[in-house]
Amino acid sequence: MFKRKPTLPSVTYLAEGSNFQGNLRTAGGLRIDGEVHGTVEVGGDLEVSATGSIEGPEVKANNIFLQGAVKGNVIAGGTLSLSRTARLEGDVIAASLNIEMGAFYVGHIVTQNEPPPALPSAPAFPKLVGRSDD
C-alpha cells in the first residue's frame, strides 16, 4: 500500500568555526569545515575542507579527500586524496593514493589492495605438422 522511498546516504556536516572534542562516528559521509579533536570513524566518505582540521589518534573512512589538516594515523578503505592545500602528519594505510603537487605529508604509507586476480594460463602451443623432434 505504502511504498518506502529509498533512503539517500546521510552526510554529517561540521561547520567552520565549530569545535568537536571526543570520538566522532557516523554511518554515512562526513564533511568537516571546523575542528575535531579525537578519533574519527566514518562509514562512508570523508572530506576535510581547507578550513577543516582533525587531530587525534586515528581517522578511518572509505574515501578521504583532504584539503585541510590532519594530525593522526589515517586508514582509507578506498582512495586517499591530498589536494595542494592539504597537510597530513601521520601514517597512512589506503587502497590507493592521490597526492597533488604542493601537498605536505610526513609519515609512512602502506597501500593495501586485494591481490589482482590470477591471469588465465596460456593454452599449450600446438605441435607443428611435419616437424619431428628427433
Protein backbone atom coordinates (compact mmCIF):
# COMPACT_ATOMS: atom_id res chain seq x y z
CA MET A 1 0.00 0.00 0.00
CA PHE A 2 2.67 2.50 1.02
CA LYS A 3 5.92 2.46 -0.86
CA ARG A 4 9.01 3.29 1.07
CA LYS A 5 11.23 5.86 -0.58
CA PRO A 6 14.85 4.78 -0.92
CA THR A 7 16.95 6.49 1.69
CA LEU A 8 19.84 8.59 0.49
CA PRO A 9 23.13 8.19 2.28
CA SER A 10 23.31 10.77 5.03
CA VAL A 11 26.09 13.33 5.27
CA THR A 12 27.07 14.88 8.58
CA TYR A 13 28.42 18.43 8.39
CA LEU A 14 30.65 20.20 10.91
CA ALA A 15 30.58 23.90 10.04
CA GLU A 16 33.51 26.32 10.02
CA GLY A 17 34.10 27.73 13.50
CA SER A 18 32.75 24.55 15.16
CA ASN A 19 34.92 22.59 17.57
CA PHE A 20 34.21 18.94 18.41
CA GLN A 21 36.12 17.07 21.12
CA GLY A 22 35.75 13.30 21.54
CA ASN A 23 35.19 10.25 19.35
CA LEU A 24 33.14 11.04 16.25
CA ARG A 25 31.39 8.15 14.46
CA THR A 26 28.93 8.34 11.60
CA ALA A 27 27.46 5.67 9.32
CA GLY A 28 27.18 7.97 6.30
CA GLY A 29 29.52 10.61 4.90
CA LEU A 30 31.17 13.44 6.81
CA ARG A 31 32.34 16.91 5.76
CA ILE A 32 34.48 18.87 8.21
CA ASP A 33 34.93 22.62 7.88
CA GLY A 34 35.63 23.08 11.60
CA GLU A 35 37.93 21.33 14.12
CA VAL A 36 37.79 17.80 15.50
CA HIS A 37 39.97 16.62 18.40
CA GLY A 38 39.66 12.86 18.76
CA THR A 39 39.11 9.67 16.79
CA VAL A 40 37.02 9.96 13.60
CA GLU A 41 35.33 6.87 12.13
CA VAL A 42 33.18 7.31 9.03
CA GLY A 43 31.22 4.54 7.33
CA GLY A 44 31.10 6.50 4.06
CA ASP A 45 33.38 9.14 2.59
CA LEU A 46 35.19 11.89 4.49
CA GLU A 47 36.00 15.38 3.23
CA VAL A 48 38.13 17.80 5.22
CA SER A 49 37.91 21.25 3.64
CA ALA A 50 40.72 23.84 3.58
CA THR A 51 39.36 25.33 6.83
CA GLY A 52 38.88 21.93 8.48
CA SER A 53 41.25 20.02 10.74
CA ILE A 54 41.41 16.76 12.65
CA GLU A 55 43.84 15.95 15.45
CA GLY A 56 43.56 12.55 17.05
CA PRO A 57 44.91 9.02 17.17
CA GLU A 58 43.03 7.69 14.11
CA VAL A 59 40.94 8.78 11.13
CA LYS A 60 39.10 6.00 9.31
CA ALA A 61 36.77 6.24 6.28
CA ASN A 62 36.11 4.74 2.87
CA ASN A 63 37.37 7.52 0.56
CA ILE A 64 39.10 10.52 2.13
CA PHE A 65 39.52 13.86 0.37
CA LEU A 66 41.83 16.14 2.32
CA GLN A 67 42.20 19.87 1.67
CA GLY A 68 42.82 20.88 5.29
CA ALA A 69 44.99 19.47 8.08
CA VAL A 70 45.07 16.04 9.73
CA LYS A 71 47.43 15.03 12.50
CA GLY A 72 47.00 11.32 13.21
CA ASN A 73 47.03 7.94 11.53
CA VAL A 74 44.75 7.58 8.50
CA ILE A 75 43.04 4.43 7.22
CA ALA A 76 41.21 4.71 3.89
CA GLY A 77 39.39 1.66 2.60
CA GLY A 78 39.33 3.30 -0.83
CA THR A 79 41.27 6.33 -2.06
CA LEU A 80 43.10 8.95 -0.02
CA SER A 81 43.38 12.21 -1.98
CA LEU A 82 45.59 15.07 -0.79
CA SER A 83 44.98 18.40 -2.52
CA ARG A 84 47.71 21.04 -2.85
CA THR A 85 46.45 22.74 0.35
CA ALA A 86 46.47 19.52 2.41
CA ARG A 87 48.70 18.94 5.42
CA LEU A 88 48.94 15.39 6.79
CA GLU A 89 51.15 14.22 9.65
CA GLY A 90 50.72 10.51 10.38
CA ASP A 91 50.96 7.02 8.98
CA VAL A 92 48.63 6.03 6.13
CA ILE A 93 47.03 2.76 5.08
CA ALA A 94 45.00 3.11 1.88
CA ALA A 95 43.94 1.10 -1.15
CA SER A 96 45.10 3.93 -3.43
CA LEU A 97 46.67 7.35 -3.03
CA ASN A 98 46.47 10.64 -4.97
CA ILE A 99 48.79 13.48 -3.98
CA GLU A 100 48.73 16.86 -5.75
CA MET A 101 51.93 18.86 -6.04
CA GLY A 102 52.20 21.21 -3.06
CA ALA A 103 50.58 18.91 -0.51
CA PHE A 104 52.53 18.43 2.75
CA TYR A 105 52.93 14.91 4.13
CA VAL A 106 55.06 13.38 6.89
CA GLY A 107 54.74 9.69 7.75
CA HIS A 108 54.74 6.18 6.31
CA ILE A 109 52.46 4.95 3.54
CA VAL A 110 51.21 1.42 3.02
CA THR A 111 48.91 0.72 0.08
CA GLN A 112 46.79 -2.35 0.57
CA ASN A 113 44.52 -3.70 -2.03
CA GLU A 114 43.13 -7.10 -2.78
CA PRO A 115 45.63 -9.10 -4.82
CA PRO A 116 44.94 -8.96 -8.54
CA PRO A 117 43.10 -11.94 -9.97
CA ALA A 118 45.34 -14.62 -11.40
CA LEU A 119 45.89 -14.42 -15.12
CA PRO A 120 44.48 -17.35 -17.09
CA SER A 121 47.15 -19.75 -18.20
CA ALA A 122 48.08 -19.60 -21.87
CA PRO A 123 46.96 -22.53 -23.97
CA ALA A 124 49.65 -25.00 -24.92
CA PHE A 125 51.28 -24.42 -28.29
CA PRO A 126 50.05 -26.89 -30.88
CA LYS A 127 52.58 -29.24 -32.43
CA LEU A 128 53.72 -28.16 -35.83
CA VAL A 129 52.72 -30.50 -38.60
CA GLY A 130 55.62 -32.10 -40.48
CA ARG A 131 58.22 -31.33 -37.85
CA SER A 132 59.95 -34.07 -35.95
CA ASP A 133 61.60 -33.62 -32.58
CA ASP A 134 64.49 -36.02 -33.34
